[in-house]
C-alpha atoms as a PDB file:
ATOM      1  CA  MET A   1      -6.737 -11.776  19.066  1.00  0.00           C
ATOM      2  CA  ASN A   2      -7.089 -15.166  18.248  1.00  0.00           C
ATOM      3  CA  LYS A   3      -4.206 -17.275  16.055  1.00  0.00           C
ATOM      4  CA  LEU A   4      -3.447 -15.055  12.748  1.00  0.00           C
ATOM      5  CA  GLU A   5      -4.423 -17.376   9.743  1.00  0.00           C
ATOM      6  CA  ALA A   6      -2.956 -14.398   7.150  1.00  0.00           C
ATOM      7  CA  VAL A   7      -0.798 -10.835   7.175  1.00  0.00           C
ATOM      8  CA  VAL A   8      -1.635  -8.625   4.084  1.00  0.00           C
ATOM      9  CA  PHE A   9       1.169  -5.905   3.548  1.00  0.00           C
ATOM     10  CA  ASP A  10       1.174  -2.833   1.280  1.00  0.00           C
ATOM     11  CA  CYS A  11       4.607  -2.018  -0.572  1.00  0.00           C
ATOM     12  CA  ASP A  12       5.299   1.652  -0.658  1.00  0.00           C
ATOM     13  CA  GLY A  13       5.713   2.916   3.158  1.00  0.00           C
ATOM     14  CA  VAL A  14       5.486  -0.834   4.418  1.00  0.00           C
ATOM     15  CA  ILE A  15       7.736  -2.995   2.481  1.00  0.00           C
ATOM     16  CA  LEU A  16       9.894  -0.126   0.766  1.00  0.00           C
ATOM     17  CA  GLU A  17      10.532   2.997   1.994  1.00  0.00           C
ATOM     18  CA  SER A  18       9.594   4.518  -1.360  1.00  0.00           C
ATOM     19  CA  ALA A  19       6.369   6.162  -0.517  1.00  0.00           C
ATOM     20  CA  ASP A  20       7.781   9.841  -0.565  1.00  0.00           C
ATOM     21  CA  ILE A  21       9.464   8.827  -4.247  1.00  0.00           C
ATOM     22  CA  LYS A  22       5.944   8.237  -5.375  1.00  0.00           C
ATOM     23  CA  SER A  23       4.852  11.555  -3.605  1.00  0.00           C
ATOM     24  CA  GLU A  24       7.530  13.607  -5.679  1.00  0.00           C
ATOM     25  CA  SER A  25       6.709  11.956  -8.751  1.00  0.00           C
ATOM     26  CA  PHE A  26       3.015  12.945  -8.256  1.00  0.00           C
ATOM     27  CA  LEU A  27       4.089  16.715  -7.709  1.00  0.00           C
ATOM     28  CA  ARG A  28       6.141  16.794 -10.535  1.00  0.00           C
ATOM     29  CA  ILE A  29       3.368  15.156 -12.478  1.00  0.00           C
ATOM     30  CA  GLY A  30       1.261  18.187 -11.387  1.00  0.00           C
ATOM     31  CA  SER A  31       3.494  20.757 -12.129  1.00  0.00           C
ATOM     32  CA  SER A  32       2.958  21.092 -15.603  1.00  0.00           C
ATOM     33  CA  PHE A  33      -0.820  21.906 -15.126  1.00  0.00           C
ATOM     34  CA  GLY A  34       0.697  25.303 -13.006  1.00  0.00           C
ATOM     35  CA  PRO A  35       1.025  25.743  -9.356  1.00  0.00           C
ATOM     36  CA  GLU A  36      -2.744  25.939  -8.320  1.00  0.00           C
ATOM     37  CA  ILE A  37      -3.939  22.623  -9.749  1.00  0.00           C
ATOM     38  CA  GLN A  38      -0.407  21.177  -8.868  1.00  0.00           C
ATOM     39  CA  ALA A  39      -1.436  21.760  -5.032  1.00  0.00           C
ATOM     40  CA  ARG A  40      -4.555  20.443  -5.183  1.00  0.00           C
ATOM     41  CA  PHE A  41      -3.642  17.201  -7.247  1.00  0.00           C
ATOM     42  CA  TYR A  42      -0.928  16.678  -4.390  1.00  0.00           C
ATOM     43  CA  GLU A  43      -2.950  17.234  -1.644  1.00  0.00           C
ATOM     44  CA  TYR A  44      -5.767  14.964  -3.267  1.00  0.00           C
ATOM     45  CA  HIS A  45      -2.616  12.151  -3.474  1.00  0.00           C
ATOM     46  CA  LEU A  46      -1.670  12.996   0.043  1.00  0.00           C
ATOM     47  CA  GLY A  47      -4.853  11.977   1.074  1.00  0.00           C
ATOM     48  CA  HIS A  48      -5.486   9.006  -0.847  1.00  0.00           C
ATOM     49  CA  THR A  49      -2.935   7.183  -0.653  1.00  0.00           C
ATOM     50  CA  GLY A  50      -3.241   3.325  -1.642  1.00  0.00           C
ATOM     51  CA  VAL A  51      -5.236   4.511  -4.520  1.00  0.00           C
ATOM     52  CA  SER A  52      -4.307   3.719  -7.918  1.00  0.00           C
ATOM     53  CA  ARG A  53      -2.068   6.357  -9.858  1.00  0.00           C
ATOM     54  CA  TYR A  54      -4.549   5.999 -12.678  1.00  0.00           C
ATOM     55  CA  GLU A  55      -7.616   6.839 -10.672  1.00  0.00           C
ATOM     56  CA  LYS A  56      -5.683   9.968  -9.490  1.00  0.00           C
ATOM     57  CA  PHE A  57      -4.864  10.953 -13.026  1.00  0.00           C
ATOM     58  CA  ALA A  58      -8.801  10.747 -13.688  1.00  0.00           C
ATOM     59  CA  TRP A  59      -9.376  13.041 -10.592  1.00  0.00           C
ATOM     60  CA  LEU A  60      -7.216  15.527 -12.149  1.00  0.00           C
ATOM     61  CA  TYR A  61      -8.853  15.763 -15.491  1.00  0.00           C
ATOM     62  CA  ARG A  62     -12.269  15.701 -14.009  1.00  0.00           C
ATOM     63  CA  THR A  63     -11.998  18.252 -11.323  1.00  0.00           C
ATOM     64  CA  GLU A  64      -9.344  20.467 -12.247  1.00  0.00           C
ATOM     65  CA  LEU A  65      -9.981  20.626 -16.078  1.00  0.00           C
ATOM     66  CA  GLY A  66     -13.507  19.840 -16.350  1.00  0.00           C
ATOM     67  CA  ARG A  67     -13.637  16.570 -18.443  1.00  0.00           C
ATOM     68  CA  GLU A  68     -12.846  13.103 -18.372  1.00  0.00           C
ATOM     69  CA  ILE A  69      -9.210  11.607 -19.355  1.00  0.00           C
ATOM     70  CA  THR A  70      -8.657   9.933 -22.385  1.00  0.00           C
ATOM     71  CA  ALA A  71      -7.232   6.492 -22.599  1.00  0.00           C
ATOM     72  CA  GLU A  72      -4.321   8.014 -24.577  1.00  0.00           C
ATOM     73  CA  GLU A  73      -3.724  10.451 -21.936  1.00  0.00           C
ATOM     74  CA  SER A  74      -3.941   8.157 -18.750  1.00  0.00           C
ATOM     75  CA  ARG A  75      -1.372   5.723 -20.701  1.00  0.00           C
ATOM     76  CA  GLN A  76       1.401   8.763 -21.174  1.00  0.00           C
ATOM     77  CA  MET A  77       0.834  10.046 -17.203  1.00  0.00           C
ATOM     78  CA  GLY A  78       1.225   6.123 -16.334  1.00  0.00           C
ATOM     79  CA  GLU A  79       4.559   5.996 -18.581  1.00  0.00           C
ATOM     80  CA  LEU A  80       5.866   9.350 -17.386  1.00  0.00           C
ATOM     81  CA  PHE A  81       5.489   8.547 -13.795  1.00  0.00           C
ATOM     82  CA  SER A  82       6.620   5.291 -13.965  1.00  0.00           C
ATOM     83  CA  ASN A  83      10.240   6.875 -15.387  1.00  0.00           C
ATOM     84  CA  TYR A  84      10.145   9.530 -12.916  1.00  0.00           C
ATOM     85  CA  CYS A  85       9.945   7.000 -10.153  1.00  0.00           C
ATOM     86  CA  LEU A  86      10.654   3.011 -10.985  1.00  0.00           C
ATOM     87  CA  GLU A  87      14.358   2.773 -10.261  1.00  0.00           C
ATOM     88  CA  ALA A  88      14.295   4.936  -7.302  1.00  0.00           C
ATOM     89  CA  VAL A  89      11.362   2.667  -5.903  1.00  0.00           C
ATOM     90  CA  ARG A  90      13.384  -0.668  -6.767  1.00  0.00           C
ATOM     91  CA  ASN A  91      16.488   0.486  -4.982  1.00  0.00           C
ATOM     92  CA  ALA A  92      14.677   2.055  -1.929  1.00  0.00           C
ATOM     93  CA  PRO A  93      15.566   0.429   1.496  1.00  0.00           C
ATOM     94  CA  LEU A  94      13.453  -1.717   3.232  1.00  0.00           C
ATOM     95  CA  VAL A  95      11.236  -0.802   6.144  1.00  0.00           C
ATOM     96  CA  PRO A  96      13.137  -0.921   9.400  1.00  0.00           C
ATOM     97  CA  GLY A  97      11.228  -4.022  10.971  1.00  0.00           C
ATOM     98  CA  PHE A  98       9.822  -5.465   7.805  1.00  0.00           C
ATOM     99  CA  GLU A  99      12.097  -8.151   7.433  1.00  0.00           C
ATOM    100  CA  GLU A 100      11.917  -9.462  10.944  1.00  0.00           C
ATOM    101  CA  ALA A 101       8.343  -9.250  10.519  1.00  0.00           C
ATOM    102  CA  LEU A 102       8.656 -11.472   7.483  1.00  0.00           C
ATOM    103  CA  ALA A 103      10.706 -13.612   9.197  1.00  0.00           C
ATOM    104  CA  TRP A 104       8.479 -14.129  12.275  1.00  0.00           C
ATOM    105  CA  PHE A 105       5.323 -14.638  10.413  1.00  0.00           C
ATOM    106  CA  LYS A 106       7.070 -17.155   8.138  1.00  0.00           C
ATOM    107  CA  SER A 107       8.190 -19.050  11.214  1.00  0.00           C
ATOM    108  CA  ARG A 108       4.654 -19.171  12.362  1.00  0.00           C
ATOM    109  CA  GLY A 109       3.250 -20.480   9.348  1.00  0.00           C
ATOM    110  CA  VAL A 110       1.111 -17.224   8.898  1.00  0.00           C
ATOM    111  CA  VAL A 111       0.287 -16.961   5.210  1.00  0.00           C
ATOM    112  CA  LEU A 112       1.587 -13.525   3.645  1.00  0.00           C
ATOM    113  CA  PHE A 113       0.317 -11.445   1.155  1.00  0.00           C
ATOM    114  CA  VAL A 114       0.937  -8.375  -0.740  1.00  0.00           C
ATOM    115  CA  ALA A 115      -2.113  -5.739  -1.693  1.00  0.00           C
ATOM    116  CA  SER A 116      -0.481  -2.406  -3.403  1.00  0.00           C
ATOM    117  CA  GLY A 117      -2.276   0.320  -5.067  1.00  0.00           C
ATOM    118  CA  THR A 118       0.715  -0.069  -7.791  1.00  0.00           C
ATOM    119  CA  PRO A 119      -0.571  -1.264 -11.167  1.00  0.00           C
ATOM    120  CA  GLN A 120       0.025  -5.162 -10.917  1.00  0.00           C
ATOM    121  CA  ALA A 121       3.228  -5.898 -13.173  1.00  0.00           C
ATOM    122  CA  GLU A 122       5.167  -2.818 -12.017  1.00  0.00           C
ATOM    123  CA  LEU A 123       4.889  -4.065  -8.326  1.00  0.00           C
ATOM    124  CA  GLU A 124       5.563  -7.997  -9.641  1.00  0.00           C
ATOM    125  CA  THR A 125       8.631  -6.579 -10.804  1.00  0.00           C
ATOM    126  CA  ILE A 126       9.501  -4.588  -8.295  1.00  0.00           C
ATOM    127  CA  LEU A 127       9.310  -6.990  -5.904  1.00  0.00           C
ATOM    128  CA  ALA A 128      11.009  -9.660  -8.012  1.00  0.00           C
ATOM    129  CA  ASP A 129      13.761  -7.218  -8.279  1.00  0.00           C
ATOM    130  CA  ARG A 130      14.394  -7.124  -4.519  1.00  0.00           C
ATOM    131  CA  GLY A 131      14.097 -11.285  -4.034  1.00  0.00           C
ATOM    132  CA  LEU A 132      10.578 -11.153  -2.375  1.00  0.00           C
ATOM    133  CA  THR A 133       8.662 -12.814  -4.396  1.00  0.00           C
ATOM    134  CA  SER A 134       8.711 -16.246  -2.609  1.00  0.00           C
ATOM    135  CA  SER A 135       7.675 -14.865   0.364  1.00  0.00           C
ATOM    136  CA  PHE A 136       4.572 -14.199  -0.163  1.00  0.00           C
ATOM    137  CA  GLN A 137       1.295 -16.494  -1.678  1.00  0.00           C
ATOM    138  CA  ARG A 138       0.029 -13.769  -3.523  1.00  0.00           C
ATOM    139  CA  ILE A 139       0.929 -10.449  -4.967  1.00  0.00           C
ATOM    140  CA  LEU A 140      -1.837  -8.267  -5.645  1.00  0.00           C
ATOM    141  CA  GLY A 141      -1.498  -4.910  -7.444  1.00  0.00           C
ATOM    142  CA  THR A 142      -4.285  -2.690  -8.629  1.00  0.00           C
ATOM    143  CA  PRO A 143      -6.983  -2.832 -10.586  1.00  0.00           C
ATOM    144  CA  PRO A 144      -9.333  -3.148  -8.111  1.00  0.00           C
ATOM    145  CA  ALA A 145      -8.890  -1.195  -5.088  1.00  0.00           C
ATOM    146  CA  LYS A 146      -7.458  -2.126  -1.876  1.00  0.00           C
ATOM    147  CA  SER A 147     -10.829  -2.683  -0.269  1.00  0.00           C
ATOM    148  CA  GLN A 148     -11.749  -5.200  -3.106  1.00  0.00           C
ATOM    149  CA  LEU A 149      -7.658  -6.893  -3.244  1.00  0.00           C
ATOM    150  CA  LEU A 150      -8.299  -7.579   0.427  1.00  0.00           C
ATOM    151  CA  ALA A 151     -11.843  -9.001   0.109  1.00  0.00           C
ATOM    152  CA  LYS A 152     -10.410 -11.147  -2.638  1.00  0.00           C
ATOM    153  CA  ILE A 153      -7.349 -12.535  -0.188  1.00  0.00           C
ATOM    154  CA  ILE A 154     -10.239 -13.052   2.649  1.00  0.00           C
ATOM    155  CA  SER A 155     -12.610 -14.878   0.318  1.00  0.00           C
ATOM    156  CA  GLU A 156     -10.441 -17.155  -2.078  1.00  0.00           C
ATOM    157  CA  GLY A 157      -8.031 -18.384   1.187  1.00  0.00           C
ATOM    158  CA  GLY A 158     -11.286 -19.118   3.393  1.00  0.00           C
ATOM    159  CA  PHE A 159      -9.941 -16.953   6.252  1.00  0.00           C
ATOM    160  CA  ASP A 160     -11.700 -15.581   8.746  1.00  0.00           C
ATOM    161  CA  PRO A 161     -11.580 -11.459   8.473  1.00  0.00           C
ATOM    162  CA  GLY A 162     -10.977 -11.366  12.519  1.00  0.00           C
ATOM    163  CA  ARG A 163      -7.764 -13.264  11.836  1.00  0.00           C
ATOM    164  CA  VAL A 164      -6.348 -11.161   9.094  1.00  0.00           C
ATOM    165  CA  LEU A 165      -3.648  -8.490   9.832  1.00  0.00           C
ATOM    166  CA  MET A 166      -3.642  -5.556   6.971  1.00  0.00           C
ATOM    167  CA  ILE A 167      -0.522  -3.473   7.120  1.00  0.00           C
ATOM    168  CA  GLY A 168      -0.568  -0.284   6.142  1.00  0.00           C
ATOM    169  CA  ASP A 169       0.595   3.492   6.274  1.00  0.00           C
ATOM    170  CA  GLY A 170      -2.569   5.572   4.242  1.00  0.00           C
ATOM    171  CA  GLU A 171      -6.022   5.611   4.791  1.00  0.00           C
ATOM    172  CA  THR A 172      -7.227   3.433   1.428  1.00  0.00           C
ATOM    173  CA  ASP A 173      -5.483   0.682   3.722  1.00  0.00           C
ATOM    174  CA  LEU A 174      -6.891   1.264   7.267  1.00  0.00           C
ATOM    175  CA  GLN A 175     -10.687   1.828   4.911  1.00  0.00           C
ATOM    176  CA  ALA A 176      -9.763  -1.685   3.664  1.00  0.00           C
ATOM    177  CA  ALA A 177      -9.556  -3.314   6.936  1.00  0.00           C
ATOM    178  CA  GLN A 178     -12.691  -1.853   8.289  1.00  0.00           C
ATOM    179  CA  ASP A 179     -14.596  -2.427   4.900  1.00  0.00           C
ATOM    180  CA  ASN A 180     -13.750  -6.319   5.524  1.00  0.00           C
ATOM    181  CA  SER A 181     -13.722  -6.612   9.105  1.00  0.00           C
ATOM    182  CA  ALA A 182      -9.988  -7.191   9.451  1.00  0.00           C
ATOM    183  CA  LEU A 183      -7.804  -6.174  11.992  1.00  0.00           C
ATOM    184  CA  PHE A 184      -5.127  -3.009  10.904  1.00  0.00           C
ATOM    185  CA  PHE A 185      -1.779  -1.951  11.761  1.00  0.00           C
ATOM    186  CA  GLY A 186      -0.440   1.530  11.028  1.00  0.00           C
ATOM    187  CA  ARG A 187       2.452   2.455   9.837  1.00  0.00           C
ATOM    188  CA  GLY A 188       3.431   5.979  10.223  1.00  0.00           C
ATOM    189  CA  ALA A 189       2.561   8.868  12.833  1.00  0.00           C
ATOM    190  CA  CYS A 190      -0.700   9.861  10.951  1.00  0.00           C
ATOM    191  CA  PHE A 191      -2.364   7.057  13.306  1.00  0.00           C
ATOM    192  CA  LYS A 192      -0.986   8.028  16.497  1.00  0.00           C
ATOM    193  CA  ASP A 193      -4.263   9.054  19.010  1.00  0.00           C
ATOM    194  CA  ARG A 194      -6.574   7.409  17.057  1.00  0.00           C
ATOM    195  CA  GLY A 195      -7.152   4.437  18.998  1.00  0.00           C
ATOM    196  CA  LEU A 196      -5.134   2.293  16.469  1.00  0.00           C
ATOM    197  CA  PRO A 197      -2.187   0.091  16.831  1.00  0.00           C
ATOM    198  CA  TRP A 198       0.455   1.953  15.327  1.00  0.00           C
ATOM    199  CA  SER A 199       4.589   2.414  15.062  1.00  0.00           C
ATOM    200  CA  ALA A 200       6.705   4.814  13.228  1.00  0.00           C
ATOM    201  CA  ASP A 201       7.921   1.978  11.447  1.00  0.00           C
ATOM    202  CA  LEU A 202       7.442  -1.993  11.343  1.00  0.00           C
ATOM    203  CA  THR A 203       9.944  -2.524  14.410  1.00  0.00           C
ATOM    204  CA  GLY A 204       6.277  -2.078  17.054  1.00  0.00           C
ATOM    205  CA  LEU A 205       4.943  -4.556  14.764  1.00  0.00           C
ATOM    206  CA  ILE A 206       5.537  -7.766  16.175  1.00  0.00           C
ATOM    207  CA  PRO A 207       5.845  -6.542  20.008  1.00  0.00           C
ATOM    208  CA  TRP A 208       1.978  -5.502  19.294  1.00  0.00           C
ATOM    209  CA  VAL A 209       1.228  -9.092  18.057  1.00  0.00           C
ATOM    210  CA  LYS A 210       2.831 -10.580  20.926  1.00  0.00           C
ATOM    211  CA  GLU A 211       1.228  -8.124  23.499  1.00  0.00           C
ATOM    212  CA  GLN A 212      -2.491  -9.411  21.903  1.00  0.00           C
ATOM    213  CA  SER A 213      -1.906 -12.991  21.983  1.00  0.00           C
ATOM    214  CA  GLY A 214       0.624 -15.150  23.931  1.00  0.00           C
ATOM    215  CA  ASN A 215      -0.109 -18.072  21.512  1.00  0.00           C
ATOM    216  CA  LEU A 216       0.877 -17.125  17.984  1.00  0.00           C
END
């Protein structure tokens, strides 16, 4: 690995232990549509972590109800979702190893970003409440999709994609890295036995980076 130029963190499940909180909120949202639709909606969510909640709501209406969601229905579902989870997300603990990784990258001049499926304003509020805003050059939420967010970071920063590391806990994060020819490190056992670097939390991140290059 050449010297890293930039590191891009997902938020839920990478910075904050909030992925399960949001999954529970999707489960609650789906409950009003009956158990069968709820189960399929929840399964869709689990297979598309990192995708905007509004895209998931649109999928629910299109696939399960047979029509397009209206702007007002989408707004109401988004508001309900935020009511279910925002306070819990704000108070969620940091992922083990995140603070150490953040300090290590900053001490070496690596430019740091956040790219998340959370809506922009909500993402900014959450990270500001945790005192993390100043740690990142830019904080980017949806829309657009994760792959486009990463492309924007690489293009506008003039970075070599092979020197940009995406850290994520879902398939959307991995796909974004692959779409942009960036490096990837996975948080969680879903990446085990797939030939990808990963660890159960972020405590394995810096040891892996050090193994890849002794000059960072």
